[in-house]
């Protein structure tokens, strides 16, 4: 039983082995699919199609619930996991399903936070085959943060404004358009919320963007400044991509580096070339 728990915990977090990567790719795909379903439900679609989408969404929620239960069962520190950031996001993703019969309007708003479940994949360079540097991961995190803020607030504003202002916020696209022009400070004014909660969400969206985007851009700038005096040399041990020009060993794992030209030799070659 202990071995089974360890294997379960490993494959739910592993992004290297084929099994682990397949599991996590499936989870990420289901998150994106559920988000597409949410958007599609804001449009006028036939009842038969809406019914089928509800079935698919219910199946996805059941899978997420099973995944949450497996993560909780396989971890040794259950209390710590329950109150962890990722666990709270997972719980928010499945909570509307279990409280769907309750007459609590804000519960339905939680479904838009399901896209946040993709955050755990952003910090994994191995999850994206073409992102193999820390700079790329930071840039990917910035783009994902911006998309997430716009997506979530668009969904929340649509959910709040559509019942009271259906002519302006007809579909998710109207709310998405409003979020874009608001986040970019263009503010055409042709689409505006009229409810107090809608206006509060708009202010919250602006403050969230102001707080998160510059902070992450600052991380990217600090990383770029740090790598100005570094050269691209892949460590054969850990895969770290950049090291100091005179480094003989990897600063992360200590593996001996190859392909680095001694700076004095390089200067000698340059001087010789100039003299010649």
Protein backbone atom coordinates (compact mmCIF):
# COMPACT_ATOMS: atom_id res chain seq x y z
CA UNK A 1 0.00 0.00 0.00
CA UNK A 2 2.83 2.38 0.86
CA UNK A 3 4.52 1.65 -2.47
CA UNK A 4 1.26 2.33 -4.31
CA UNK A 5 0.86 5.67 -2.55
CA UNK A 6 4.41 6.67 -3.47
CA UNK A 7 3.89 5.70 -7.10
CA UNK A 8 0.62 7.65 -7.22
CA UNK A 9 2.24 10.75 -5.71
CA UNK A 10 5.15 10.45 -8.15
CA UNK A 11 3.09 10.16 -11.32
CA UNK A 12 0.77 13.02 -10.28
CA UNK A 13 3.75 15.39 -10.13
CA UNK A 14 6.18 13.84 -12.61
CA UNK A 15 6.73 15.49 -15.98
CA UNK A 16 9.71 13.44 -17.15
CA UNK A 17 8.49 9.87 -17.62
CA UNK A 18 6.00 9.05 -20.40
CA UNK A 19 3.32 7.99 -17.88
CA UNK A 20 3.71 11.08 -15.70
CA UNK A 21 3.77 13.42 -18.67
CA UNK A 22 0.70 11.74 -20.20
CA UNK A 23 -1.24 12.10 -16.94
CA UNK A 24 -0.36 15.76 -16.51
CA UNK A 25 -0.91 16.59 -20.19
CA UNK A 26 -4.36 15.02 -19.88
CA UNK A 27 -5.14 17.11 -16.80
CA UNK A 28 -3.96 20.28 -18.53
CA UNK A 29 -6.04 19.41 -21.60
CA UNK A 30 -9.14 18.88 -19.44
CA UNK A 31 -8.61 22.25 -17.77
CA UNK A 32 -8.49 23.94 -21.17
CA UNK A 33 -11.50 21.97 -22.39
CA UNK A 34 -13.56 22.94 -19.36
CA UNK A 35 -12.62 26.57 -19.93
CA UNK A 36 -13.78 26.34 -23.54
CA UNK A 37 -17.08 24.85 -22.32
CA UNK A 38 -17.57 27.77 -19.93
CA UNK A 39 -17.07 30.23 -22.77
CA UNK A 40 -19.36 28.29 -25.13
CA UNK A 41 -22.16 28.29 -22.57
CA UNK A 42 -22.30 32.11 -22.69
CA UNK A 43 -23.52 31.94 -26.29
CA UNK A 44 -26.90 30.96 -27.66
CA UNK A 45 -26.54 27.30 -28.54
CA UNK A 46 -29.11 24.52 -29.09
CA UNK A 47 -30.38 22.84 -25.94
CA UNK A 48 -29.16 19.46 -27.16
CA UNK A 49 -25.61 20.79 -27.54
CA UNK A 50 -25.79 22.53 -24.17
CA UNK A 51 -26.92 19.26 -22.58
CA UNK A 52 -23.98 17.38 -24.10
CA UNK A 53 -21.55 20.07 -22.93
CA UNK A 54 -22.96 19.77 -19.41
CA UNK A 55 -22.33 16.02 -19.50
CA UNK A 56 -18.73 16.52 -20.64
CA UNK A 57 -18.19 19.17 -17.98
CA UNK A 58 -19.62 16.88 -15.29
CA UNK A 59 -17.27 14.07 -16.35
CA UNK A 60 -14.33 16.49 -16.20
CA UNK A 61 -15.35 17.61 -12.70
CA UNK A 62 -15.56 13.99 -11.54
CA UNK A 63 -12.05 13.36 -12.90
CA UNK A 64 -10.80 16.45 -11.06
CA UNK A 65 -12.48 15.24 -7.87
CA UNK A 66 -10.83 11.82 -8.21
CA UNK A 67 -7.48 13.51 -8.87
CA UNK A 68 -7.87 15.69 -5.77
CA UNK A 69 -8.73 12.63 -3.67
CA UNK A 70 -5.70 10.74 -5.02
CA UNK A 71 -3.37 13.66 -4.29
CA UNK A 72 -4.71 13.90 -0.75
CA UNK A 73 -4.50 10.13 -0.24
CA UNK A 74 -0.96 9.79 -1.57
CA UNK A 75 0.63 12.65 0.36
CA UNK A 76 2.22 12.08 3.76
CA UNK A 77 1.47 15.60 5.01
CA UNK A 78 -2.27 15.81 4.47
CA UNK A 79 -2.96 18.91 6.55
CA UNK A 80 -0.17 20.82 4.85
CA UNK A 81 -1.45 19.74 1.45
CA UNK A 82 -5.06 20.77 2.19
CA UNK A 83 -3.97 24.34 2.96
CA UNK A 84 -1.40 24.56 0.18
CA UNK A 85 -1.89 26.98 -2.72
CA UNK A 86 -2.37 24.27 -5.37
CA UNK A 87 -4.78 22.30 -3.18
CA UNK A 88 -6.97 25.35 -2.63
CA UNK A 89 -7.07 25.94 -6.39
CA UNK A 90 -8.00 22.29 -6.99
CA UNK A 91 -10.73 22.51 -4.35
CA UNK A 92 -12.12 25.70 -5.89
CA UNK A 93 -12.30 23.89 -9.22
CA UNK A 94 -14.53 21.09 -7.92
CA UNK A 95 -16.45 22.96 -5.20
CA UNK A 96 -19.19 24.33 -7.53
CA UNK A 97 -20.02 20.77 -8.59
CA UNK A 98 -20.59 19.52 -5.05
CA UNK A 99 -22.44 22.68 -3.97
CA UNK A 100 -24.37 23.05 -7.20
CA UNK A 101 -27.69 22.43 -5.50
CA UNK A 102 -27.08 25.18 -2.96
CA UNK A 103 -28.58 28.57 -3.71
CA UNK A 104 -25.32 30.47 -3.32
CA UNK A 105 -24.63 32.68 -6.32
CA UNK A 106 -20.95 33.27 -5.61
CA UNK A 107 -20.26 29.52 -5.80
CA UNK A 108 -20.84 29.66 -9.56
CA UNK A 109 -18.16 32.33 -9.82
CA UNK A 110 -15.55 29.88 -8.58
CA UNK A 111 -15.69 27.86 -11.79
CA UNK A 112 -13.75 30.54 -13.65
CA UNK A 113 -10.79 29.97 -11.34
CA UNK A 114 -10.31 26.50 -12.77
CA UNK A 115 -7.82 27.88 -15.31
CA UNK A 116 -5.49 28.57 -12.37
CA UNK A 117 -4.83 24.83 -12.16
CA UNK A 118 -2.41 25.29 -15.06
CA UNK A 119 -0.07 27.31 -12.83
CA UNK A 120 1.62 24.17 -11.54
CA UNK A 121 2.82 23.42 -15.07
CA UNK A 122 4.29 26.87 -15.77
CA UNK A 123 7.19 26.35 -13.36
CA UNK A 124 8.15 23.05 -15.02
CA UNK A 125 10.59 23.69 -17.86
CA UNK A 126 10.39 20.05 -18.94
CA UNK A 127 6.66 20.39 -19.58
CA UNK A 128 7.34 22.67 -22.55
CA UNK A 129 9.83 21.20 -24.95
CA UNK A 130 10.85 24.57 -26.40
CA UNK A 131 11.23 26.37 -23.06
CA UNK A 132 14.52 25.16 -21.65
CA UNK A 133 15.87 28.30 -20.00
CA UNK A 134 14.89 30.17 -16.89
CA UNK A 135 14.27 33.30 -18.98
CA UNK A 136 11.78 31.39 -21.09
CA UNK A 137 9.98 30.10 -18.02
CA UNK A 138 9.73 33.62 -16.56
CA UNK A 139 8.41 34.99 -19.86
CA UNK A 140 5.92 32.14 -20.07
CA UNK A 141 4.82 32.88 -16.52
CA UNK A 142 4.26 36.57 -17.39
CA UNK A 143 2.17 35.72 -20.44
CA UNK A 144 0.18 33.13 -18.52
CA UNK A 145 -0.42 35.56 -15.65
CA UNK A 146 -1.71 38.20 -18.05
CA UNK A 147 -3.97 35.70 -19.82
CA UNK A 148 -5.25 34.30 -16.53
CA UNK A 149 -6.11 37.72 -15.10
CA UNK A 150 -8.02 38.66 -18.26
CA UNK A 151 -9.78 35.28 -18.55
CA UNK A 152 -10.86 35.00 -14.92
CA UNK A 153 -12.04 38.59 -14.59
CA UNK A 154 -13.83 38.38 -17.93
CA UNK A 155 -15.73 35.36 -16.66
CA UNK A 156 -16.50 36.96 -13.31
CA UNK A 157 -17.66 40.22 -14.86
CA UNK A 158 -19.82 38.36 -17.39
CA UNK A 159 -21.37 36.27 -14.61
CA UNK A 160 -22.18 39.40 -12.58
CA UNK A 161 -23.16 41.82 -15.35
CA UNK A 162 -25.05 39.61 -17.81
CA UNK A 163 -28.15 39.18 -15.60
CA UNK A 164 -28.50 42.95 -15.00
CA UNK A 165 -27.02 44.28 -18.26
CA UNK A 166 -27.64 41.63 -20.95
CA UNK A 167 -27.64 44.07 -23.88
CA UNK A 168 -24.05 45.18 -23.18
CA UNK A 169 -22.54 41.98 -21.77
CA UNK A 170 -24.21 39.54 -24.14
CA UNK A 171 -21.45 36.93 -24.32
CA UNK A 172 -18.06 36.15 -22.86
CA UNK A 173 -16.46 37.98 -25.79
CA UNK A 174 -18.04 41.27 -24.65
CA UNK A 175 -16.60 40.80 -21.17
CA UNK A 176 -13.25 39.75 -22.66
CA UNK A 177 -13.21 42.88 -24.84
CA UNK A 178 -13.99 45.03 -21.80
CA UNK A 179 -11.15 43.41 -19.83
CA UNK A 180 -8.64 43.98 -22.65
CA UNK A 181 -9.43 47.68 -23.08
CA UNK A 182 -9.44 48.12 -19.31
CA UNK A 183 -6.13 46.34 -18.71
CA UNK A 184 -4.47 48.28 -21.52
CA UNK A 185 -5.88 51.55 -20.09
CA UNK A 186 -7.50 52.36 -23.44
CA UNK A 187 -10.97 52.58 -21.91
CA UNK A 188 -13.23 53.30 -24.90
CA UNK A 189 -16.23 53.46 -22.58
CA UNK A 190 -18.59 51.67 -24.99
CA UNK A 191 -18.82 48.71 -22.60
CA UNK A 192 -19.07 49.49 -18.90
CA UNK A 193 -20.40 47.61 -15.86
CA UNK A 194 -23.41 49.07 -14.08
CA UNK A 195 -23.61 46.91 -10.94
CA UNK A 196 -21.60 47.70 -7.85
CA UNK A 197 -20.04 44.24 -7.86
CA UNK A 198 -19.10 44.63 -11.53
CA UNK A 199 -17.37 47.92 -10.84
CA UNK A 200 -15.64 46.43 -7.82
CA UNK A 201 -14.37 43.55 -9.99
CA UNK A 202 -13.08 46.09 -12.53
CA UNK A 203 -11.10 47.92 -9.87
CA UNK A 204 -9.83 44.61 -8.52
CA UNK A 205 -8.73 43.55 -12.02
CA UNK A 206 -6.75 46.76 -12.52
CA UNK A 207 -5.07 46.48 -9.12
CA UNK A 208 -4.25 42.80 -9.74
CA UNK A 209 -2.60 43.64 -13.05
CA UNK A 210 -0.66 46.53 -11.49
CA UNK A 211 0.57 44.29 -8.67
CA UNK A 212 1.46 41.11 -10.56
CA UNK A 213 2.70 42.11 -14.01
CA UNK A 214 5.46 44.58 -12.95
CA UNK A 215 6.62 42.17 -10.27
CA UNK A 216 7.13 39.36 -12.77
CA UNK A 217 8.61 41.68 -15.39
CA UNK A 218 11.07 42.77 -12.69
CA UNK A 219 12.10 39.13 -12.21
CA UNK A 220 12.73 38.84 -15.94
CA UNK A 221 14.80 42.05 -16.02
CA UNK A 222 16.89 40.94 -13.03
CA UNK A 223 17.47 37.61 -14.74
CA UNK A 224 18.54 39.31 -17.98
CA UNK A 225 20.92 41.63 -16.14
CA UNK A 226 22.34 38.65 -14.31
CA UNK A 227 23.07 36.79 -17.55
CA UNK A 228 24.77 39.71 -19.37
CA UNK A 229 28.20 38.41 -18.39
CA UNK A 230 27.28 34.78 -18.89
CA UNK A 231 27.57 32.53 -21.91
CA UNK A 232 25.31 29.74 -23.06
CA UNK A 233 26.84 26.45 -21.98
CA UNK A 234 24.54 23.52 -21.27
CA UNK A 235 25.51 21.57 -18.17
CA UNK A 236 25.58 17.82 -18.97
CA UNK A 237 24.52 17.07 -15.41
CA UNK A 238 21.48 19.26 -14.68
CA UNK A 239 20.87 21.07 -17.98
CA UNK A 240 21.47 24.59 -16.64
CA UNK A 241 21.90 26.73 -19.75
CA UNK A 242 24.03 29.73 -18.71
CA UNK A 243 27.26 30.02 -16.73
CA UNK A 244 29.95 32.61 -16.11
CA UNK A 245 32.46 32.90 -18.95
CA UNK A 246 35.32 31.56 -16.80
CA UNK A 247 33.31 28.85 -15.04
CA UNK A 248 34.85 25.38 -15.12
CA UNK A 249 32.11 23.66 -13.10
CA UNK A 250 28.34 24.03 -12.96
CA UNK A 251 27.24 26.31 -10.14
CA UNK A 252 24.09 24.25 -9.63
CA UNK A 253 25.33 20.66 -9.53
CA UNK A 254 29.14 20.86 -9.72
CA UNK A 255 29.47 18.93 -12.98
CA UNK A 256 32.56 19.78 -15.05
CA UNK A 257 31.63 21.96 -17.99
CA UNK A 258 32.93 21.57 -21.51
CA UNK A 259 33.19 24.02 -24.38
CA UNK A 260 34.20 27.06 -22.31
CA UNK A 261 37.19 28.97 -23.69
CA UNK A 262 39.48 30.51 -21.15
CA UNK A 263 39.15 34.30 -21.32
CA UNK A 264 42.94 34.85 -21.45
CA UNK A 265 43.28 32.44 -24.35
CA UNK A 266 40.37 34.13 -26.11
CA UNK A 267 42.00 37.55 -25.61
CA UNK A 268 45.26 36.18 -26.99
CA UNK A 269 43.50 34.89 -30.08
CA UNK A 270 41.81 38.25 -30.60
CA UNK A 271 45.12 40.13 -30.18
CA UNK A 272 46.87 37.79 -32.60
CA UNK A 273 44.11 38.30 -35.17
CA UNK A 274 44.38 42.08 -34.88
CA UNK A 275 48.18 42.06 -35.18
CA UNK A 276 47.99 39.85 -38.19
